[in-house]
Amino acid sequence: MSLAVAIDFTSSNGNPTDAHSLHHLGPKNQYSHAISAVGSILEPYDFDNMFPTFGFGGVFGSKTVSHCFPLNGNPMQPTIEGISGILEMYQEQLPHIKLAGPTLFAPVITAFN
């Protein structure tokens, strides 16, 4: 089994400065809880503990919306070690990602193939 993670950075999640946002800037938001909950169950079944992790629907590292970008900023090696590594990278990158849209799943699904 291999785990891959895709995080929705569309504006429908709410402004991260709003306490009701799913991406609320702080120690634990809805996305952190979901990644932790699902990841803690699946992580032990992944043979190398390296997880491809992408974001979609946000502006990251450019001036245009990307529907598939590596959360670690490395398109040649988009993997992150461990669920704790994903959570750290998510918290580190979140302030630098502008939530946008629309919600398009196809590019990120294709990246996992």
Protein backbone atom coordinates (compact mmCIF):
# COMPACT_ATOMS: atom_id res chain seq x y z
CA MET A 1 0.00 0.00 0.00
CA SER A 2 1.20 3.49 -0.76
CA LEU A 3 -0.29 6.70 0.58
CA ALA A 4 -0.45 9.89 -1.48
CA VAL A 5 -1.82 13.19 -0.22
CA ALA A 6 -3.62 16.03 -2.06
CA ILE A 7 -4.60 19.20 -0.21
CA ASP A 8 -7.35 21.50 -1.50
CA PHE A 9 -6.16 25.13 -1.45
CA THR A 10 -9.25 26.59 -3.10
CA SER A 11 -10.81 29.70 -1.59
CA SER A 12 -13.98 27.77 -0.74
CA ASN A 13 -12.10 26.60 2.39
CA GLY A 14 -12.23 30.12 3.80
CA ASN A 15 -9.61 32.74 4.50
CA PRO A 16 -6.84 31.24 6.69
CA THR A 17 -6.96 34.29 8.98
CA ASP A 18 -10.62 33.46 9.82
CA ALA A 19 -10.98 31.12 12.81
CA HIS A 20 -13.72 29.22 10.92
CA SER A 21 -11.49 28.50 7.90
CA LEU A 22 -10.55 24.88 7.27
CA HIS A 23 -7.01 26.25 6.74
CA HIS A 24 -7.02 28.50 9.83
CA LEU A 25 -3.46 29.60 10.56
CA GLY A 26 -2.60 28.01 13.86
CA PRO A 27 -1.26 24.85 15.43
CA LYS A 28 -4.14 22.53 14.45
CA ASN A 29 -6.79 23.23 11.85
CA GLN A 30 -9.30 20.98 10.07
CA TYR A 31 -6.79 19.93 7.41
CA SER A 32 -4.12 19.13 10.00
CA HIS A 33 -6.62 17.00 11.90
CA ALA A 34 -7.68 15.13 8.74
CA ILE A 35 -4.11 14.49 7.55
CA SER A 36 -3.14 13.29 11.01
CA ALA A 37 -6.20 11.06 11.49
CA VAL A 38 -6.05 9.33 8.11
CA GLY A 39 -2.27 9.33 7.94
CA SER A 40 -1.77 7.75 11.35
CA ILE A 41 -3.90 4.80 10.24
CA LEU A 42 -2.28 4.32 6.81
CA GLU A 43 1.33 5.32 7.51
CA PRO A 44 2.38 1.96 9.03
CA TYR A 45 1.30 0.16 5.85
CA ASP A 46 3.48 2.23 3.50
CA PHE A 47 6.76 0.44 2.85
CA ASP A 48 9.09 3.44 2.64
CA ASN A 49 7.26 6.13 4.65
CA MET A 50 7.71 8.58 1.75
CA PHE A 51 4.48 10.21 0.62
CA PRO A 52 3.93 12.21 -2.58
CA THR A 53 2.12 15.33 -1.37
CA PHE A 54 0.49 17.85 -3.67
CA GLY A 55 -1.68 20.91 -3.36
CA PHE A 56 -4.25 22.12 -5.85
CA GLY A 57 -6.39 25.18 -6.47
CA GLY A 58 -3.92 27.69 -5.03
CA VAL A 59 -1.23 30.10 -6.11
CA PHE A 60 2.15 28.74 -5.01
CA GLY A 61 5.53 29.85 -6.29
CA SER A 62 4.05 31.71 -9.27
CA LYS A 63 1.41 34.29 -10.05
CA THR A 64 -1.11 31.84 -11.49
CA VAL A 65 -3.37 29.20 -10.00
CA SER A 66 -1.90 25.72 -10.02
CA HIS A 67 -4.10 22.66 -10.02
CA CYS A 68 -1.21 20.41 -9.04
CA PHE A 69 1.90 21.56 -7.19
CA PRO A 70 4.28 19.66 -4.92
CA LEU A 71 3.84 20.90 -1.38
CA ASN A 72 7.60 20.72 -0.82
CA GLY A 73 8.23 22.83 -3.95
CA ASN A 74 10.24 20.08 -5.67
CA PRO A 75 8.46 18.76 -8.80
CA MET A 76 11.23 16.20 -9.40
CA GLN A 77 10.83 14.69 -5.90
CA PRO A 78 7.42 15.61 -4.44
CA THR A 79 7.66 13.14 -1.57
CA ILE A 80 7.74 14.03 2.10
CA GLU A 81 8.89 11.66 4.83
CA GLY A 82 6.23 10.66 7.33
CA ILE A 83 2.91 12.13 8.32
CA SER A 84 4.68 14.42 10.79
CA GLY A 85 6.79 15.69 7.87
CA ILE A 86 3.67 16.42 5.84
CA LEU A 87 2.12 18.30 8.74
CA GLU A 88 5.29 20.35 9.25
CA MET A 89 5.55 21.17 5.53
CA TYR A 90 1.85 22.08 5.38
CA GLN A 91 2.19 24.50 8.33
CA GLU A 92 5.37 25.96 6.82
CA GLN A 93 3.93 26.48 3.32
CA LEU A 94 0.35 27.51 4.18
CA PRO A 95 1.16 31.21 4.80
CA HIS A 96 2.82 31.36 1.35
CA ILE A 97 -0.09 29.87 -0.61
CA LYS A 98 -2.87 32.12 -1.86
CA LEU A 99 -6.18 30.27 -1.87
CA ALA A 100 -7.85 30.52 -5.27
CA GLY A 101 -9.79 28.15 -7.53
CA PRO A 102 -11.61 26.61 -9.24
CA THR A 103 -11.58 23.10 -7.82
CA LEU A 104 -10.12 20.85 -10.49
CA PHE A 105 -9.17 17.32 -9.42
CA ALA A 106 -7.94 15.83 -12.70
CA PRO A 107 -4.40 17.30 -12.68
CA VAL A 108 -3.63 16.10 -9.17
CA ILE A 109 -5.18 12.67 -9.76
CA THR A 110 -3.09 12.30 -12.92
CA ALA A 111 0.07 13.16 -10.92
CA PHE A 112 -0.45 10.07 -8.75
CA ASN A 113 -0.45 7.70 -11.72
